[in-house]
Amino acid sequence: MKLNLGNQIRINRRRMNLTQEQLAEKFGTSPQAISRWEIGATYPDIEMLPMIASFFETSIDALLGVTEEEKEKFCAELQQSFETAVRAKDAQKTIDIMREIRRNLKEYQHYWFWGLYTEIWKVRLFRDEKVLEEMRLLAEEIFSVCPKDDHWAVIDCMSYMEDDDHLDTFLDTYASREDMARSSLLFKRYKMREELDKIEPVRHGILWYELSHIITAANDWQVYLCKDPNHFIWFCETQLNYLNAVNNLSPDKKHLISGGTGADLWCEERIQLGIRYAASFAKLGKMDEAYDAFEDTIRVIEQIMSIVDDEFKIGCSSPALEGFALESKINWLEKDGKEYKEISLQYNDWWNWIIPLDYQKAFKHAWFDTMRADKRFDVLFERLDKCVVCREISTN
């Protein structure tokens, strides 16, 4: 690739009405060095190019006088050289080419990344620590200069190429929700690296997460409830039957919400479905069914809130999730000068919360107005009140 660096330095220097002496002072070098650059006898160190381009308010490509056609040809040649180096397991040549891309072809990085990392993956050259370190630097450069939409490919690749010593730090920094969740990235990593002994716990987590979202689907459930309560009763029953089937449970209809068993890792899903189920019956004036649903929902809340251990694990009876459990703990929420007990259930970067104060608020909603005239409502709400555990804020 023909360089016109010297001519571009001279053109830009004259454009800014600077002498060679003045430019030398700006760049911390001698007038003689500037003169040699301008006649093409020598070139500035490659590390200086970003500074020179920034000073002249231009790009490195423009500074080098490189046309798009020349760059495309150079990139194609560089890629071919890279593939040859990787397949020959020439780590140093591979590093040199990646460094050239990182320093001088930044705007092409999202294009380069897939080609480079695919080749490196094919021969497992990322297991060379020096190659891996250059991969990290290239990834960091992409994070700094490319739009966020381009980051996911980098995160995805690095999550299965990063070594074990740096993996947690990388995931803590870049993992997010959904496709870029820690569990999803780890599953891909173990699958790609054929580390099958590590897959099962991660598979459990992904399965729990997906089932949880299926079971509690319908974000606009209040709209569905108001439009067609009969249909929404069917919807809630379908979700509850699905949840119980997943857990190998066959409860009678009065215990459809709780599953007729003790507290499990589905408590939050069961409570949310129970509130919706009871509201649907109340909307239709089916009071007996509404109170049964209310009572079974309270039963779930009572079971989970009766746990007194500050930290505990909670699993379920699903054969597909045998041995899987959520890390759980008691937290205290400060409100109105007191602290209220709540329970958090955690898996990696995903949390479920059991907050009795929120359930009190839900059952005070207008959905349940038709139930309040019956003493059964007061009895059940009193049981819910007892689940709201509070204490004075410690002054120590």
Protein backbone atom coordinates (compact mmCIF):
# COMPACT_ATOMS: atom_id res chain seq x y z
CA MET A 1 0.00 0.00 0.00
CA LYS A 2 1.63 3.22 -1.19
CA LEU A 3 1.98 5.83 1.53
CA ASN A 4 1.81 9.60 0.93
CA LEU A 5 2.43 10.45 4.56
CA GLY A 6 5.23 12.95 4.00
CA ASN A 7 3.30 14.91 1.39
CA GLN A 8 0.20 14.99 3.61
CA ILE A 9 2.22 16.28 6.58
CA ARG A 10 3.63 19.05 4.42
CA ILE A 11 0.21 19.97 2.98
CA ASN A 12 -1.41 20.09 6.44
CA ARG A 13 1.49 22.00 7.97
CA ARG A 14 1.24 24.67 5.32
CA ARG A 15 -2.57 24.72 5.63
CA MET A 16 -2.10 25.61 9.32
CA ASN A 17 0.63 28.20 8.49
CA LEU A 18 3.25 26.43 10.59
CA THR A 19 7.00 26.26 10.02
CA GLN A 20 8.89 22.98 10.34
CA GLU A 21 10.37 24.34 13.58
CA GLN A 22 6.92 25.10 15.02
CA LEU A 23 5.58 21.66 14.03
CA ALA A 24 8.63 19.97 15.52
CA GLU A 25 7.93 21.72 18.81
CA LYS A 26 4.30 20.51 18.76
CA PHE A 27 5.38 16.89 18.22
CA GLY A 28 8.40 16.95 20.51
CA THR A 29 10.93 16.23 17.78
CA SER A 30 13.49 18.15 15.69
CA PRO A 31 12.98 20.31 12.56
CA GLN A 32 15.34 17.91 10.76
CA ALA A 33 13.00 14.99 11.55
CA ILE A 34 10.04 16.94 10.15
CA SER A 35 12.02 17.66 7.00
CA ARG A 36 12.91 13.98 6.55
CA TRP A 37 9.23 13.01 7.04
CA GLU A 38 8.07 15.48 4.41
CA ILE A 39 10.51 14.30 1.72
CA GLY A 40 9.74 10.64 2.48
CA ALA A 41 13.23 9.78 3.70
CA THR A 42 11.81 8.48 7.01
CA TYR A 43 8.43 8.07 8.67
CA PRO A 44 7.23 8.95 12.16
CA ASP A 45 6.78 6.06 14.59
CA ILE A 46 3.45 4.33 14.05
CA GLU A 47 2.43 5.20 17.63
CA MET A 48 2.57 8.91 16.66
CA LEU A 49 0.06 8.65 13.82
CA PRO A 50 -3.10 9.08 15.97
CA MET A 51 -1.57 12.18 17.60
CA ILE A 52 -0.52 13.67 14.24
CA ALA A 53 -3.93 12.94 12.68
CA SER A 54 -5.70 14.46 15.68
CA PHE A 55 -3.54 17.58 15.56
CA PHE A 56 -4.33 18.11 11.87
CA GLU A 57 -8.01 17.26 12.55
CA THR A 58 -8.03 14.49 9.97
CA SER A 59 -8.10 10.69 9.87
CA ILE A 60 -5.08 8.41 9.79
CA ASP A 61 -6.19 7.14 6.38
CA ALA A 62 -6.37 10.66 4.99
CA LEU A 63 -2.99 11.40 6.57
CA LEU A 64 -1.51 8.37 4.83
CA GLY A 65 -3.15 9.38 1.57
CA VAL A 66 -4.79 5.97 1.24
CA THR A 67 -7.75 5.61 -1.13
CA GLU A 68 -10.65 3.27 -0.37
CA GLU A 69 -9.61 1.02 -3.27
CA GLU A 70 -6.07 0.79 -1.91
CA LYS A 71 -7.34 0.07 1.57
CA GLU A 72 -9.68 -2.68 0.37
CA LYS A 73 -6.84 -4.29 -1.55
CA PHE A 74 -4.55 -3.97 1.45
CA CYS A 75 -7.20 -5.46 3.76
CA ALA A 76 -7.73 -8.43 1.45
CA GLU A 77 -3.99 -9.08 1.31
CA LEU A 78 -3.70 -8.66 5.07
CA GLN A 79 -6.53 -11.09 5.69
CA GLN A 80 -4.91 -13.69 3.45
CA SER A 81 -1.63 -13.24 5.31
CA PHE A 82 -3.48 -13.57 8.60
CA GLU A 83 -5.16 -16.84 7.58
CA THR A 84 -1.81 -18.24 6.48
CA ALA A 85 -0.16 -17.23 9.77
CA VAL A 86 -2.92 -18.73 11.90
CA ARG A 87 -3.02 -22.03 10.03
CA ALA A 88 0.74 -22.26 10.34
CA LYS A 89 0.29 -21.55 14.09
CA ASP A 90 2.69 -18.62 13.73
CA ALA A 91 1.66 -16.79 16.91
CA GLN A 92 3.95 -13.79 16.46
CA LYS A 93 2.88 -13.10 12.88
CA THR A 94 -0.75 -13.45 13.98
CA ILE A 95 -0.19 -10.93 16.77
CA ASP A 96 1.56 -8.48 14.43
CA ILE A 97 -1.36 -8.48 12.00
CA MET A 98 -3.96 -8.10 14.77
CA ARG A 99 -1.95 -5.20 16.17
CA GLU A 100 -1.88 -3.53 12.74
CA ILE A 101 -5.67 -3.84 12.51
CA ARG A 102 -6.21 -2.56 16.04
CA ARG A 103 -4.01 0.48 15.56
CA ASN A 104 -4.66 1.51 11.98
CA LEU A 105 -7.92 -0.04 10.78
CA LYS A 106 -10.29 0.87 13.60
CA GLU A 107 -13.28 1.64 11.42
CA TYR A 108 -13.01 -1.85 9.95
CA GLN A 109 -12.94 -3.66 13.27
CA HIS A 110 -16.51 -4.95 13.27
CA TYR A 111 -15.77 -6.47 9.85
CA TRP A 112 -12.44 -7.93 10.88
CA PHE A 113 -13.53 -9.40 14.15
CA TRP A 114 -15.49 -12.35 12.79
CA GLY A 115 -12.87 -13.33 10.23
CA LEU A 116 -9.98 -13.08 12.65
CA TYR A 117 -11.61 -14.87 15.51
CA THR A 118 -13.07 -17.60 13.32
CA GLU A 119 -9.60 -18.44 12.02
CA ILE A 120 -8.11 -18.32 15.51
CA TRP A 121 -10.87 -20.62 16.77
CA LYS A 122 -10.33 -23.18 14.00
CA VAL A 123 -6.81 -23.99 15.16
CA ARG A 124 -7.35 -23.04 18.84
CA LEU A 125 -4.59 -20.45 18.58
CA PHE A 126 -6.32 -18.43 21.32
CA ARG A 127 -4.76 -20.87 23.77
CA ASP A 128 -1.48 -19.06 23.17
CA GLU A 129 -1.42 -16.48 26.00
CA LYS A 130 0.17 -13.75 23.83
CA VAL A 131 -2.46 -14.20 21.10
CA LEU A 132 -5.22 -14.12 23.73
CA GLU A 133 -3.83 -10.91 25.21
CA GLU A 134 -3.91 -9.27 21.76
CA MET A 135 -7.49 -10.51 21.37
CA ARG A 136 -8.40 -8.76 24.63
CA LEU A 137 -6.84 -5.50 23.43
CA LEU A 138 -8.68 -5.72 20.12
CA ALA A 139 -11.96 -6.39 21.94
CA GLU A 140 -11.42 -3.38 24.23
CA GLU A 141 -10.73 -1.20 21.19
CA ILE A 142 -13.98 -2.33 19.59
CA PHE A 143 -15.91 -1.57 22.79
CA SER A 144 -14.44 1.94 22.79
CA VAL A 145 -14.95 2.92 19.13
CA CYS A 146 -17.83 0.83 17.76
CA PRO A 147 -21.59 1.25 18.38
CA LYS A 148 -23.07 -0.92 21.12
CA ASP A 149 -24.95 -2.97 18.55
CA ASP A 150 -21.58 -4.30 17.38
CA HIS A 151 -20.46 -5.31 20.88
CA TRP A 152 -22.57 -8.47 21.15
CA ALA A 153 -20.47 -10.35 18.58
CA VAL A 154 -17.31 -9.47 20.49
CA ILE A 155 -18.79 -10.51 23.83
CA ASP A 156 -20.10 -13.74 22.36
CA CYS A 157 -16.73 -14.73 20.89
CA MET A 158 -14.64 -13.68 23.86
CA SER A 159 -16.91 -15.52 26.29
CA TYR A 160 -15.82 -18.87 24.88
CA MET A 161 -12.23 -17.96 24.03
CA GLU A 162 -11.28 -16.23 27.29
CA ASP A 163 -9.24 -18.34 29.70
CA ASP A 164 -10.61 -19.59 33.02
CA ASP A 165 -8.55 -17.14 35.08
CA HIS A 166 -10.06 -14.07 33.37
CA LEU A 167 -13.55 -15.41 32.58
CA ASP A 168 -15.37 -14.24 35.72
CA THR A 169 -14.01 -10.71 35.39
CA PHE A 170 -15.02 -10.58 31.72
CA LEU A 171 -18.55 -11.82 32.42
CA ASP A 172 -18.97 -9.50 35.40
CA THR A 173 -18.10 -6.59 33.11
CA TYR A 174 -19.94 -7.45 29.90
CA ALA A 175 -22.71 -9.99 30.56
CA SER A 176 -26.24 -8.59 30.51
CA ARG A 177 -29.81 -9.85 30.28
CA GLU A 178 -31.36 -12.24 27.74
CA ASP A 179 -28.98 -13.46 24.97
CA MET A 180 -25.93 -11.91 26.63
CA ALA A 181 -26.82 -13.25 30.07
CA ARG A 182 -24.02 -14.91 31.99
CA SER A 183 -25.73 -18.31 31.85
CA SER A 184 -26.31 -18.09 28.08
CA LEU A 185 -22.71 -17.12 27.43
CA LEU A 186 -21.40 -19.90 29.66
CA PHE A 187 -23.62 -22.48 27.96
CA LYS A 188 -22.24 -21.50 24.56
CA ARG A 189 -18.70 -21.53 25.95
CA TYR A 190 -18.94 -25.03 27.40
CA LYS A 191 -20.63 -26.33 24.29
CA MET A 192 -18.07 -24.80 21.92
CA ARG A 193 -15.16 -25.96 24.06
CA GLU A 194 -16.76 -29.41 24.54
CA GLU A 195 -16.54 -29.05 28.32
CA LEU A 196 -19.61 -31.20 28.76
CA ASP A 197 -19.08 -31.78 32.48
CA LYS A 198 -19.74 -28.07 33.09
CA ILE A 199 -22.87 -27.74 30.94
CA GLU A 200 -25.51 -29.36 33.16
CA PRO A 201 -25.66 -26.76 35.96
CA VAL A 202 -25.82 -23.97 33.40
CA ARG A 203 -28.50 -25.80 31.41
CA HIS A 204 -30.57 -26.03 34.59
CA GLY A 205 -30.34 -22.27 35.07
CA ILE A 206 -31.36 -21.50 31.50
CA LEU A 207 -34.26 -23.97 31.72
CA TRP A 208 -35.51 -22.40 34.96
CA TYR A 209 -35.24 -18.91 33.47
CA GLU A 210 -37.14 -19.84 30.30
CA LEU A 211 -39.85 -21.75 32.17
CA SER A 212 -40.29 -18.83 34.55
CA HIS A 213 -40.94 -16.48 31.63
CA ILE A 214 -43.34 -18.88 29.94
CA ILE A 215 -45.30 -19.40 33.16
CA THR A 216 -45.70 -15.69 33.94
CA ALA A 217 -46.30 -14.53 30.36
CA ALA A 218 -48.83 -11.78 29.55
CA ASN A 219 -47.32 -8.46 30.58
CA ASP A 220 -50.61 -6.69 29.77
CA TRP A 221 -52.62 -9.08 31.89
CA GLN A 222 -54.76 -6.30 33.41
CA VAL A 223 -56.01 -5.50 29.89
CA TYR A 224 -56.83 -9.15 29.20
CA LEU A 225 -58.56 -9.43 32.58
CA CYS A 226 -60.84 -6.48 31.85
CA LYS A 227 -61.60 -7.50 28.26
CA ASP A 228 -62.47 -11.15 28.86
CA PRO A 229 -62.29 -12.52 32.44
CA ASN A 230 -63.51 -15.97 31.36
CA HIS A 231 -60.68 -16.31 28.90
CA PHE A 232 -58.21 -15.04 31.46
CA ILE A 233 -59.35 -17.69 33.97
CA TRP A 234 -58.59 -20.29 31.32
CA PHE A 235 -55.23 -18.65 30.70
CA CYS A 236 -54.27 -18.67 34.41
CA GLU A 237 -55.37 -22.29 34.82
CA THR A 238 -53.32 -23.28 31.78
CA GLN A 239 -50.24 -21.60 33.23
CA LEU A 240 -50.75 -23.15 36.67
CA ASN A 241 -51.38 -26.61 35.23
CA TYR A 242 -48.22 -26.26 33.16
CA LEU A 243 -46.22 -25.21 36.23
CA ASN A 244 -47.49 -28.15 38.26
CA ALA A 245 -46.89 -30.60 35.42
CA VAL A 246 -43.31 -29.38 35.13
CA ASN A 247 -42.92 -30.15 38.84
CA ASN A 248 -44.60 -33.55 38.60
CA LEU A 249 -47.52 -32.37 40.78
CA SER A 250 -51.23 -33.15 40.43
CA PRO A 251 -53.02 -30.94 43.00
CA ASP A 252 -56.77 -30.59 43.38
CA LYS A 253 -58.31 -27.38 42.04
CA LYS A 254 -58.32 -25.68 45.46
CA HIS A 255 -54.52 -25.98 45.58
CA LEU A 256 -53.76 -25.26 41.94
CA ILE A 257 -51.69 -22.21 42.91
CA SER A 258 -49.59 -23.72 45.71
CA GLY A 259 -49.34 -27.09 44.05
CA GLY A 260 -50.40 -28.67 47.34
CA THR A 261 -46.79 -28.77 48.48
CA GLY A 262 -44.28 -26.68 50.42
CA ALA A 263 -42.37 -23.59 49.30
CA ASP A 264 -40.29 -24.02 46.16
CA LEU A 265 -38.29 -21.83 43.78
CA TRP A 266 -41.50 -21.02 41.87
CA CYS A 267 -43.01 -19.06 44.78
CA GLU A 268 -42.89 -15.70 43.04
CA GLU A 269 -44.49 -17.10 39.88
CA ARG A 270 -47.17 -18.90 41.91
CA ILE A 271 -48.05 -15.73 43.83
CA GLN A 272 -48.30 -13.58 40.70
CA LEU A 273 -50.52 -16.14 38.98
CA GLY A 274 -52.61 -16.50 42.16
CA ILE A 275 -53.34 -12.77 42.30
CA ARG A 276 -54.42 -12.78 38.65
CA TYR A 277 -56.50 -15.94 39.09
CA ALA A 278 -58.35 -14.56 42.13
CA ALA A 279 -58.95 -11.22 40.38
CA SER A 280 -60.47 -13.00 37.36
CA PHE A 281 -63.02 -14.84 39.51
CA ALA A 282 -63.81 -11.66 41.47
CA LYS A 283 -64.42 -9.82 38.20
CA LEU A 284 -67.05 -12.40 37.26
CA GLY A 285 -68.62 -12.45 40.72
CA LYS A 286 -67.58 -16.09 41.35
CA MET A 287 -66.88 -15.48 45.03
CA ASP A 288 -66.22 -19.03 46.23
CA GLU A 289 -63.61 -19.60 43.53
CA ALA A 290 -62.11 -16.15 44.19
CA TYR A 291 -61.71 -16.88 47.92
CA ASP A 292 -60.22 -20.31 47.20
CA ALA A 293 -57.64 -18.67 44.93
CA PHE A 294 -56.99 -15.92 47.49
CA GLU A 295 -56.46 -18.47 50.28
CA ASP A 296 -54.15 -20.69 48.21
CA THR A 297 -52.08 -17.62 47.26
CA ILE A 298 -51.79 -16.67 50.94
CA ARG A 299 -50.66 -20.24 51.62
CA VAL A 300 -47.70 -19.79 49.25
CA ILE A 301 -46.76 -16.47 50.86
CA GLU A 302 -46.98 -17.97 54.36
CA GLN A 303 -44.76 -20.91 53.39
CA ILE A 304 -41.93 -18.85 51.95
CA MET A 305 -42.10 -16.11 54.61
CA SER A 306 -41.94 -18.69 57.42
CA ILE A 307 -38.31 -19.36 56.51
CA VAL A 308 -36.06 -17.81 59.15
CA ASP A 309 -32.58 -18.64 57.87
CA ASP A 310 -30.76 -15.52 56.71
CA GLU A 311 -29.37 -17.43 53.72
CA PHE A 312 -30.71 -20.63 52.20
CA LYS A 313 -31.12 -22.56 48.96
CA ILE A 314 -34.51 -23.43 47.55
CA GLY A 315 -35.21 -26.00 44.84
CA CYS A 316 -38.25 -27.70 43.34
CA SER A 317 -39.68 -31.11 42.53
CA SER A 318 -39.20 -30.89 38.76
CA PRO A 319 -37.33 -33.98 37.48
CA ALA A 320 -35.79 -31.78 34.78
CA LEU A 321 -34.30 -29.48 37.45
CA GLU A 322 -33.10 -32.14 39.87
CA GLY A 323 -30.34 -30.70 42.05
CA PHE A 324 -30.93 -27.12 40.89
CA ALA A 325 -31.55 -24.45 43.53
CA LEU A 326 -31.71 -20.68 43.82
CA GLU A 327 -29.43 -18.88 46.25
CA SER A 328 -31.86 -17.13 48.57
CA LYS A 329 -31.63 -14.77 51.50
CA ILE A 330 -33.67 -12.56 53.78
CA ASN A 331 -33.39 -8.81 53.15
CA TRP A 332 -34.83 -5.90 55.09
CA LEU A 333 -36.50 -3.07 53.19
CA GLU A 334 -36.48 0.32 54.89
CA LYS A 335 -39.80 2.18 54.72
CA ASP A 336 -41.60 4.69 56.96
CA GLY A 337 -38.99 4.43 59.69
CA LYS A 338 -39.11 0.62 59.89
CA GLU A 339 -37.51 -2.36 58.18
CA TYR A 340 -39.70 -4.93 56.43
CA LYS A 341 -38.72 -8.52 55.73
CA GLU A 342 -38.48 -9.59 52.11
CA ILE A 343 -36.88 -12.59 50.42
CA SER A 344 -34.68 -12.57 47.34
CA LEU A 345 -34.12 -15.60 45.13
CA GLN A 346 -31.09 -15.26 42.89
CA TYR A 347 -29.50 -17.07 39.98
CA ASN A 348 -26.43 -15.30 38.58
CA ASP A 349 -27.66 -11.89 37.39
CA TRP A 350 -31.39 -12.63 37.66
CA TRP A 351 -33.45 -12.00 40.80
CA ASN A 352 -36.96 -12.83 41.99
CA TRP A 353 -38.36 -11.02 45.01
CA ILE A 354 -40.99 -12.04 47.56
CA ILE A 355 -42.34 -8.77 49.02
CA PRO A 356 -45.48 -9.10 51.19
CA LEU A 357 -45.99 -5.31 51.21
CA ASP A 358 -46.54 -5.46 47.45
CA TYR A 359 -49.06 -8.27 47.82
CA GLN A 360 -50.99 -6.24 50.40
CA LYS A 361 -51.17 -3.43 47.89
CA ALA A 362 -52.36 -5.81 45.16
CA PHE A 363 -55.22 -7.20 47.25
CA LYS A 364 -56.34 -3.65 48.12
CA HIS A 365 -56.84 -2.95 44.43
CA ALA A 366 -60.27 -2.26 42.97
CA TRP A 367 -60.22 -5.72 41.35
CA PHE A 368 -61.12 -7.15 44.75
CA ASP A 369 -63.79 -4.59 45.76
CA THR A 370 -66.57 -7.13 45.27
CA MET A 371 -64.92 -9.44 47.83
CA ARG A 372 -64.60 -6.95 50.68
CA ALA A 373 -68.21 -7.20 51.91
CA ASP A 374 -67.63 -10.82 52.92
CA LYS A 375 -65.94 -11.58 56.25
CA ARG A 376 -63.83 -14.19 54.51
CA PHE A 377 -61.85 -11.38 52.93
CA ASP A 378 -60.98 -9.87 56.33
CA VAL A 379 -59.88 -13.28 57.67
CA LEU A 380 -57.61 -13.91 54.69
CA PHE A 381 -56.24 -10.39 54.65
CA GLU A 382 -55.38 -10.76 58.33
CA ARG A 383 -53.30 -13.83 57.42
CA LEU A 384 -51.56 -11.74 54.77
CA ASP A 385 -50.91 -9.00 57.38
CA LYS A 386 -49.10 -11.55 59.53
CA CYS A 387 -46.73 -12.26 56.62
CA VAL A 388 -45.61 -8.63 56.71
CA VAL A 389 -42.78 -8.85 59.23
CA CYS A 390 -41.27 -5.55 60.35
CA ARG A 391 -38.81 -4.35 62.95
CA GLU A 392 -37.53 -1.07 64.28
CA ILE A 393 -34.45 0.28 62.54
CA SER A 394 -31.39 -0.42 64.64
CA THR A 395 -29.52 2.67 65.85
CA ASN A 396 -26.29 0.74 66.50
